[in-house]
């Protein structure tokens, strides 16, 4: 259904499992741009056409699918078994219709390969009303071509009984602009599982969480879960003491929904315990930032080792601010801590500074507080921050 939900992840292609379709390759302009076929290709077609005769496929249909629609000879034979092309003029009108609506050769070719019977349809009666519906909702021709390329089933779904009702249902929970614009990947996955999405959104509302756009934008992967599994995970997270009305609840649900969750949880527990965390510490950190249990073991050990053993910061303090583990080690943690090491070595700052503040603060604030402030005492601090000078040289 629509190009939905955007920003990084918002694509609620919830318009339907039944509404949209798959991707395709096509050559709408094949005849227009290729009036002749190379000898090699002709030879290939001739060979395949002979095979098609043995397989009871119409040679004229196969030839049309290859020459006009851009299918490979092999794909054309398969498609021709579902299509009796008695009237090339009708097929030409379909080709012209999709070209007029700006489908690329690649898109049209795949649509024909998946649904060869479209070449027998009356485009004005079968397709135009649906196209006009989406145009009226803000879709451009390019948007709609991408949508149908993603799921060809939309071409044969009922406008009144399927497409319009699902669109209106989604519109009741989302702004129209979010229905039209969204990431293709999310749009397709949400669209193919729209029944689960609707059911899971309903459960979310029942829990008291009303920011539906937040879930669609940030957690489309949990909304497509089977309602039974979604409900089970939600219950588990509630039992851990999370509040459904808070964002951290949904981060936790997302973490639990991972296929390898149990293995990752056990592995990461062992990693944190090597730095002195207890089971209670792990649970407390998880409640503050659930993704701390979805990280790789290597990332945990590398960052914890540096902060605890190199910087001398208490691992127990990291329990209170586990978000620091998520920042890039090379681009953020190491450069900032290098500056802090220099300032500590020169006695310009105290050892009890907030490590959380050092790593979490925006760059402009960090530079002002720890670099430009001490420029006269340590002129090379900026070079240390940029990695041009080793801390040992200061």
Protein backbone atom coordinates (compact mmCIF):
# COMPACT_ATOMS: atom_id res chain seq x y z
CA UNK A 1 0.00 0.00 0.00
CA UNK A 2 1.40 3.20 0.11
CA UNK A 3 4.77 4.36 0.38
CA UNK A 4 4.39 4.71 4.01
CA UNK A 5 6.03 6.01 6.93
CA UNK A 6 9.34 7.44 6.70
CA UNK A 7 12.45 8.73 8.18
CA UNK A 8 14.80 6.02 8.52
CA UNK A 9 12.40 3.28 9.21
CA UNK A 10 8.88 4.33 8.81
CA UNK A 11 7.30 2.56 5.96
CA UNK A 12 4.03 1.14 6.89
CA UNK A 13 3.17 -0.61 3.84
CA UNK A 14 0.30 -1.87 5.66
CA UNK A 15 -1.87 -1.34 2.75
CA UNK A 16 -1.76 -4.84 2.36
CA UNK A 17 -0.55 -8.11 2.19
CA UNK A 18 -3.16 -8.33 -0.33
CA UNK A 19 -2.76 -5.03 -1.91
CA UNK A 20 0.70 -4.79 -3.20
CA UNK A 21 3.31 -6.77 -4.87
CA UNK A 22 6.77 -7.68 -5.82
CA UNK A 23 9.64 -6.36 -7.83
CA UNK A 24 10.19 -6.67 -11.49
CA UNK A 25 12.36 -6.18 -14.52
CA UNK A 26 10.99 -4.86 -17.74
CA UNK A 27 11.67 -3.41 -21.08
CA UNK A 28 8.81 -1.10 -21.84
CA UNK A 29 10.99 0.60 -24.33
CA UNK A 30 12.48 -2.53 -25.77
CA UNK A 31 10.88 -2.25 -29.17
CA UNK A 32 11.24 1.49 -29.31
CA UNK A 33 14.94 1.36 -28.63
CA UNK A 34 15.78 -2.00 -30.19
CA UNK A 35 14.36 -2.56 -33.67
CA UNK A 36 16.69 -5.44 -34.27
CA UNK A 37 17.97 -8.23 -32.11
CA UNK A 38 21.52 -9.37 -32.18
CA UNK A 39 22.34 -12.56 -33.99
CA UNK A 40 23.32 -14.25 -30.78
CA UNK A 41 20.07 -13.31 -29.08
CA UNK A 42 18.04 -14.32 -32.14
CA UNK A 43 19.70 -17.68 -32.12
CA UNK A 44 18.88 -18.07 -28.44
CA UNK A 45 15.26 -17.15 -29.03
CA UNK A 46 14.97 -19.56 -31.95
CA UNK A 47 16.27 -22.41 -29.82
CA UNK A 48 13.85 -21.62 -27.02
CA UNK A 49 10.94 -21.22 -29.40
CA UNK A 50 11.54 -24.75 -30.62
CA UNK A 51 11.37 -25.90 -27.02
CA UNK A 52 8.17 -23.94 -26.53
CA UNK A 53 6.53 -25.83 -29.37
CA UNK A 54 7.27 -29.09 -27.63
CA UNK A 55 5.87 -27.69 -24.36
CA UNK A 56 2.64 -26.56 -26.00
CA UNK A 57 3.53 -22.89 -25.60
CA UNK A 58 2.46 -20.46 -28.31
CA UNK A 59 5.50 -19.39 -30.26
CA UNK A 60 3.89 -16.05 -31.10
CA UNK A 61 3.18 -15.38 -27.42
CA UNK A 62 6.71 -16.31 -26.44
CA UNK A 63 8.11 -14.07 -29.15
CA UNK A 64 5.95 -11.17 -27.96
CA UNK A 65 7.02 -11.63 -24.35
CA UNK A 66 10.66 -11.64 -25.36
CA UNK A 67 10.64 -8.91 -27.98
CA UNK A 68 8.08 -6.51 -26.52
CA UNK A 69 8.21 -7.15 -22.78
CA UNK A 70 11.87 -7.94 -22.26
CA UNK A 71 11.49 -11.39 -20.69
CA UNK A 72 14.24 -13.91 -21.10
CA UNK A 73 13.32 -16.70 -23.52
CA UNK A 74 13.09 -19.18 -20.66
CA UNK A 75 10.85 -16.90 -18.57
CA UNK A 76 8.73 -16.17 -21.62
CA UNK A 77 8.00 -19.87 -22.12
CA UNK A 78 6.88 -20.23 -18.51
CA UNK A 79 4.74 -17.08 -18.68
CA UNK A 80 3.18 -18.07 -22.02
CA UNK A 81 1.61 -21.14 -20.41
CA UNK A 82 -0.57 -18.77 -18.38
CA UNK A 83 -1.43 -16.52 -21.28
CA UNK A 84 -3.15 -16.95 -24.62
CA UNK A 85 -2.24 -13.85 -26.52
CA UNK A 86 -4.90 -13.86 -29.22
CA UNK A 87 -4.99 -10.11 -29.56
CA UNK A 88 -1.57 -8.37 -29.71
CA UNK A 89 -3.34 -5.02 -29.89
CA UNK A 90 -4.72 -5.50 -26.37
CA UNK A 91 -1.23 -6.36 -25.09
CA UNK A 92 0.14 -3.29 -26.86
CA UNK A 93 -2.44 -1.12 -25.10
CA UNK A 94 -1.35 -2.55 -21.73
CA UNK A 95 2.29 -1.87 -22.54
CA UNK A 96 1.43 1.67 -23.60
CA UNK A 97 -0.61 2.21 -20.43
CA UNK A 98 2.26 1.27 -18.12
CA UNK A 99 4.68 3.33 -20.16
CA UNK A 100 2.35 6.32 -19.88
CA UNK A 101 2.37 5.89 -16.11
CA UNK A 102 6.19 5.91 -16.04
CA UNK A 103 6.97 2.30 -15.26
CA UNK A 104 10.54 1.50 -16.17
CA UNK A 105 11.46 -1.35 -18.51
CA UNK A 106 12.76 -3.28 -15.52
CA UNK A 107 9.56 -2.80 -13.55
CA UNK A 108 7.23 -3.72 -16.39
CA UNK A 109 9.19 -6.80 -17.41
CA UNK A 110 9.02 -8.31 -13.96
CA UNK A 111 5.34 -7.50 -13.56
CA UNK A 112 4.63 -9.34 -16.81
CA UNK A 113 6.82 -12.25 -15.76
CA UNK A 114 4.91 -12.59 -12.48
CA UNK A 115 1.46 -11.79 -13.86
CA UNK A 116 1.45 -12.42 -17.58
CA UNK A 117 -2.36 -12.20 -17.72
CA UNK A 118 -2.18 -8.42 -17.36
CA UNK A 119 -1.49 -8.38 -21.10
CA UNK A 120 -5.05 -9.59 -21.69
CA UNK A 121 -6.65 -7.00 -19.41
CA UNK A 122 -8.42 -3.80 -20.35
CA UNK A 123 -6.12 -1.28 -18.68
CA UNK A 124 -8.73 1.49 -18.49
CA UNK A 125 -11.25 -0.74 -16.71
CA UNK A 126 -8.92 -2.93 -14.64
CA UNK A 127 -6.02 -0.67 -13.68
CA UNK A 128 -6.90 3.00 -14.24
CA UNK A 129 -9.39 3.35 -11.33
CA UNK A 130 -6.78 2.06 -8.89
CA UNK A 131 -4.09 4.30 -10.30
CA UNK A 132 -6.38 7.32 -10.03
CA UNK A 133 -7.20 6.41 -6.42
CA UNK A 134 -3.54 6.52 -5.42
CA UNK A 135 -2.88 9.69 -7.41
CA UNK A 136 -5.74 11.33 -5.53
CA UNK A 137 -4.00 10.44 -2.25
CA UNK A 138 -0.78 12.20 -3.17
CA UNK A 139 1.18 9.53 -5.01
CA UNK A 140 3.26 10.56 -7.98
CA UNK A 141 3.57 8.27 -10.99
CA UNK A 142 7.03 7.28 -9.82
CA UNK A 143 5.72 6.51 -6.31
CA UNK A 144 2.97 4.29 -7.64
CA UNK A 145 5.27 2.48 -10.07
CA UNK A 146 7.57 1.63 -7.16
CA UNK A 147 4.62 0.49 -5.08
CA UNK A 148 3.26 -1.88 -7.71
CA UNK A 149 6.76 -3.06 -8.53
CA UNK A 150 7.00 -4.02 -4.85
CA UNK A 151 3.75 -6.00 -4.93
CA UNK A 152 1.95 -6.77 -8.19
CA UNK A 153 -1.09 -8.12 -6.39
CA UNK A 154 -2.41 -4.59 -6.09
CA UNK A 155 -3.28 -4.76 -9.78
CA UNK A 156 -5.98 -7.33 -9.14
CA UNK A 157 -7.26 -6.42 -5.70
CA UNK A 158 -10.69 -4.85 -5.41
CA UNK A 159 -10.53 -1.10 -5.07
CA UNK A 160 -13.77 -0.88 -3.10
CA UNK A 161 -13.41 -4.02 -0.98
CA UNK A 162 -9.67 -4.09 -0.36
CA UNK A 163 -7.51 -1.14 -1.35
CA UNK A 164 -9.68 1.77 -0.21
CA UNK A 165 -10.78 0.20 3.12
CA UNK A 166 -7.24 -0.67 4.15
CA UNK A 167 -5.99 2.77 3.12
CA UNK A 168 -8.69 4.43 5.19
CA UNK A 169 -7.92 2.19 8.16
CA UNK A 170 -4.29 3.19 8.08
CA UNK A 171 -5.12 6.82 7.58
CA UNK A 172 -7.10 6.70 10.81
CA UNK A 173 -3.84 6.21 12.74
CA UNK A 174 -1.33 7.95 10.50
CA UNK A 175 -0.96 11.34 8.83
CA UNK A 176 -1.43 11.13 5.07
CA UNK A 177 2.15 12.21 4.34
CA UNK A 178 3.40 9.24 6.31
CA UNK A 179 1.24 6.92 4.27
CA UNK A 180 2.67 8.20 1.03
CA UNK A 181 6.34 8.50 1.88
CA UNK A 182 8.29 5.70 3.48
CA UNK A 183 11.20 3.32 3.09
CA UNK A 184 10.61 0.61 0.52
CA UNK A 185 11.85 -2.19 2.76
CA UNK A 186 9.55 -1.27 5.61
CA UNK A 187 6.67 -0.56 3.30
CA UNK A 188 6.84 -4.03 1.80
CA UNK A 189 7.28 -5.89 5.09
CA UNK A 190 4.52 -4.00 6.85
CA UNK A 191 2.30 -4.29 3.85
CA UNK A 192 2.71 -8.05 3.59
CA UNK A 193 1.82 -8.44 7.27
CA UNK A 194 -0.83 -5.75 7.58
CA UNK A 195 -3.24 -7.92 9.57
CA UNK A 196 -0.61 -8.48 12.26
CA UNK A 197 0.31 -4.80 12.21
CA UNK A 198 -3.28 -3.73 12.83
CA UNK A 199 -3.72 -6.28 15.63
CA UNK A 200 -0.44 -5.32 17.32
CA UNK A 201 -1.18 -1.62 17.08
CA UNK A 202 -4.49 -2.34 18.77
CA UNK A 203 -2.77 -4.13 21.64
CA UNK A 204 -0.33 -1.23 21.98
CA UNK A 205 -3.24 1.17 22.36
CA UNK A 206 -4.84 -1.11 24.95
CA UNK A 207 -1.61 -0.89 26.95
CA UNK A 208 -1.94 2.87 27.04
CA UNK A 209 0.75 3.69 24.49
CA UNK A 210 -0.79 6.15 22.04
CA UNK A 211 2.27 7.29 20.06
CA UNK A 212 1.57 4.97 17.15
CA UNK A 213 3.79 6.94 14.77
CA UNK A 214 6.74 6.26 17.10
CA UNK A 215 6.22 2.51 16.79
CA UNK A 216 5.80 2.64 13.04
CA UNK A 217 8.85 4.81 12.58
CA UNK A 218 11.16 2.97 14.94
CA UNK A 219 9.89 -0.57 15.40
CA UNK A 220 8.22 -1.88 12.24
CA UNK A 221 9.95 -5.21 12.85
CA UNK A 222 7.98 -5.89 16.02
CA UNK A 223 4.67 -4.81 14.51
CA UNK A 224 4.87 -7.53 11.86
CA UNK A 225 5.23 -10.28 14.47
CA UNK A 226 2.41 -12.78 14.78
CA UNK A 227 0.00 -11.30 17.35
CA UNK A 228 0.43 -14.32 19.63
CA UNK A 229 4.21 -13.86 19.78
CA UNK A 230 3.91 -10.09 20.09
CA UNK A 231 1.52 -10.49 23.02
CA UNK A 232 3.78 -13.05 24.70
CA UNK A 233 6.82 -10.76 24.49
CA UNK A 234 4.79 -7.79 25.74
CA UNK A 235 3.70 -9.81 28.79
CA UNK A 236 7.29 -10.84 29.49
CA UNK A 237 8.52 -7.24 29.34
CA UNK A 238 5.69 -6.08 31.61
CA UNK A 239 6.63 -8.78 34.13
CA UNK A 240 10.16 -7.35 34.22
CA UNK A 241 8.78 -4.06 35.50
CA UNK A 242 8.80 -1.96 32.33
CA UNK A 243 6.04 0.60 31.88
CA UNK A 244 4.19 0.21 28.53
CA UNK A 245 3.69 3.96 28.29
CA UNK A 246 7.43 4.62 28.10
CA UNK A 247 9.69 4.30 25.07
CA UNK A 248 12.08 1.93 26.87
CA UNK A 249 9.29 -0.65 27.03
CA UNK A 250 9.27 -0.91 23.24
CA UNK A 251 13.04 -1.00 23.02
CA UNK A 252 12.86 -3.99 25.35
CA UNK A 253 10.15 -5.65 23.25
CA UNK A 254 12.34 -5.16 20.17
CA UNK A 255 15.32 -6.72 21.96
CA UNK A 256 13.29 -9.74 23.07
CA UNK A 257 11.91 -10.22 19.56
CA UNK A 258 15.32 -11.01 18.09
CA UNK A 259 15.63 -14.58 16.89
CA UNK A 260 18.93 -15.11 18.68
CA UNK A 261 17.89 -13.25 21.83
CA UNK A 262 18.50 -16.06 24.36
CA UNK A 263 21.95 -16.82 23.05
CA UNK A 264 22.87 -13.13 22.87
CA UNK A 265 21.53 -12.48 26.37
CA UNK A 266 23.55 -15.31 27.93
CA UNK A 267 26.69 -14.35 26.05
CA UNK A 268 26.44 -10.68 27.04
CA UNK A 269 25.64 -11.51 30.66
CA UNK A 270 28.95 -13.35 30.88
CA UNK A 271 30.76 -10.44 29.25
CA UNK A 272 29.39 -7.90 31.74
CA UNK A 273 30.04 -10.20 34.69
CA UNK A 274 33.71 -10.33 33.71
CA UNK A 275 33.78 -6.63 34.58
CA UNK A 276 32.09 -7.10 37.93
CA UNK A 277 28.42 -6.69 37.11
CA UNK A 278 25.93 -8.76 39.09
CA UNK A 279 22.67 -10.12 37.72
CA UNK A 280 20.88 -7.18 39.33
CA UNK A 281 23.30 -4.77 37.67
CA UNK A 282 22.56 -6.34 34.29
CA UNK A 283 18.82 -6.09 34.84
CA UNK A 284 19.09 -2.47 35.98
CA UNK A 285 21.21 -1.54 32.96
CA UNK A 286 18.76 -3.36 30.69
CA UNK A 287 15.87 -1.36 32.14
CA UNK A 288 17.74 1.88 31.49
CA UNK A 289 18.78 0.99 27.97
CA UNK A 290 17.49 -2.38 26.68
CA UNK A 291 19.78 -2.37 23.67
CA UNK A 292 22.76 -2.95 25.95
CA UNK A 293 21.78 -6.63 25.79
CA UNK A 294 21.59 -6.66 21.99
CA UNK A 295 25.17 -5.51 21.39
CA UNK A 296 27.97 -7.74 20.19
CA UNK A 297 30.16 -9.33 22.82
CA UNK A 298 33.26 -7.82 21.19
CA UNK A 299 31.83 -4.31 21.38
CA UNK A 300 30.99 -4.76 25.05
CA UNK A 301 34.40 -6.09 25.99
CA UNK A 302 36.35 -3.53 23.97
CA UNK A 303 34.48 -0.54 25.38
CA UNK A 304 34.25 -1.81 28.95
CA UNK A 305 37.94 -2.72 29.00
CA UNK A 306 38.91 0.76 27.86
CA UNK A 307 36.59 2.67 30.20
CA UNK A 308 37.29 0.51 33.25
CA UNK A 309 40.90 -0.58 32.85
CA UNK A 310 42.37 2.29 30.83
CA UNK A 311 40.31 5.21 32.09
CA UNK A 312 39.83 3.84 35.60
CA UNK A 313 36.11 4.48 35.65
CA UNK A 314 33.95 2.26 37.84
CA UNK A 315 32.05 -0.44 35.98
CA UNK A 316 29.20 0.11 38.44
CA UNK A 317 28.83 3.66 37.18
CA UNK A 318 28.36 2.33 33.67
CA UNK A 319 25.36 0.38 35.00
CA UNK A 320 23.73 3.77 35.60
CA UNK A 321 24.57 5.03 32.11
CA UNK A 322 24.78 2.03 29.75
CA UNK A 323 24.01 4.24 26.74
CA UNK A 324 27.70 5.21 26.60
CA UNK A 325 28.48 1.71 25.34
CA UNK A 326 26.67 2.41 22.09
CA UNK A 327 28.80 5.27 20.86
CA UNK A 328 31.48 4.61 18.29
CA UNK A 329 34.71 3.66 20.02
CA UNK A 330 36.99 5.08 17.33
CA UNK A 331 35.02 8.21 16.49
CA UNK A 332 33.74 9.27 19.89
CA UNK A 333 34.92 7.38 22.95
CA UNK A 334 38.65 7.23 22.18
CA UNK A 335 39.05 10.86 20.97
CA UNK A 336 37.18 12.31 23.94
CA UNK A 337 38.85 10.11 26.51
CA UNK A 338 42.24 10.99 25.04
CA UNK A 339 41.55 14.66 25.73
CA UNK A 340 40.43 13.81 29.25
CA UNK A 341 43.60 11.77 29.85
CA UNK A 342 45.76 14.74 28.88
CA UNK A 343 43.81 17.12 31.12
CA UNK A 344 43.93 14.65 34.02
CA UNK A 345 47.66 14.17 33.55
CA UNK A 346 48.25 17.92 33.77
CA UNK A 347 45.95 18.30 36.77
CA UNK A 348 43.61 20.62 34.92
CA UNK A 349 40.47 18.63 35.74
CA UNK A 350 39.44 16.38 38.64
CA UNK A 351 39.22 12.60 38.46
CA UNK A 352 35.57 12.58 39.51
CA UNK A 353 34.29 14.14 36.29
CA UNK A 354 31.14 12.65 34.84
CA UNK A 355 32.22 10.04 32.29
CA UNK A 356 28.64 9.98 31.07
CA UNK A 357 28.75 13.71 30.43
CA UNK A 358 32.09 13.41 28.65
CA UNK A 359 30.80 10.85 26.16
CA UNK A 360 27.16 11.89 25.81
CA UNK A 361 27.46 15.66 25.39
CA UNK A 362 27.11 17.07 21.90
CA UNK A 363 30.40 17.82 20.18
CA UNK A 364 30.15 21.61 20.40
CA UNK A 365 29.58 21.41 24.15
CA UNK A 366 32.41 18.91 24.63
CA UNK A 367 34.87 21.04 22.66
CA UNK A 368 33.92 24.17 24.57
CA UNK A 369 34.20 22.51 27.99
CA UNK A 370 37.29 20.34 27.47
CA UNK A 371 39.25 21.67 24.50
CA UNK A 372 38.92 25.40 23.80
CA UNK A 373 38.72 26.18 27.53
CA UNK A 374 42.27 24.85 28.00
CA UNK A 375 43.75 26.02 24.72
CA UNK A 376 46.28 28.34 26.35
CA UNK A 377 47.53 25.70 28.80
CA UNK A 378 47.51 22.88 26.20
CA UNK A 379 47.61 24.29 22.63
CA UNK A 380 47.77 20.78 21.14
CA UNK A 381 44.51 19.52 22.68
CA UNK A 382 42.59 19.84 19.41
CA UNK A 383 45.25 17.78 17.66
CA UNK A 384 44.93 15.15 20.38
CA UNK A 385 41.18 15.15 19.86
CA UNK A 386 41.60 14.68 16.11
CA UNK A 387 44.05 11.86 16.66
CA UNK A 388 47.02 13.70 15.14
CA UNK A 389 48.99 13.56 18.38
CA UNK A 390 49.27 10.56 20.69
CA UNK A 391 48.32 11.08 24.32
CA UNK A 392 51.74 9.76 25.35
CA UNK A 393 53.39 12.70 23.58
CA UNK A 394 51.63 15.20 25.80
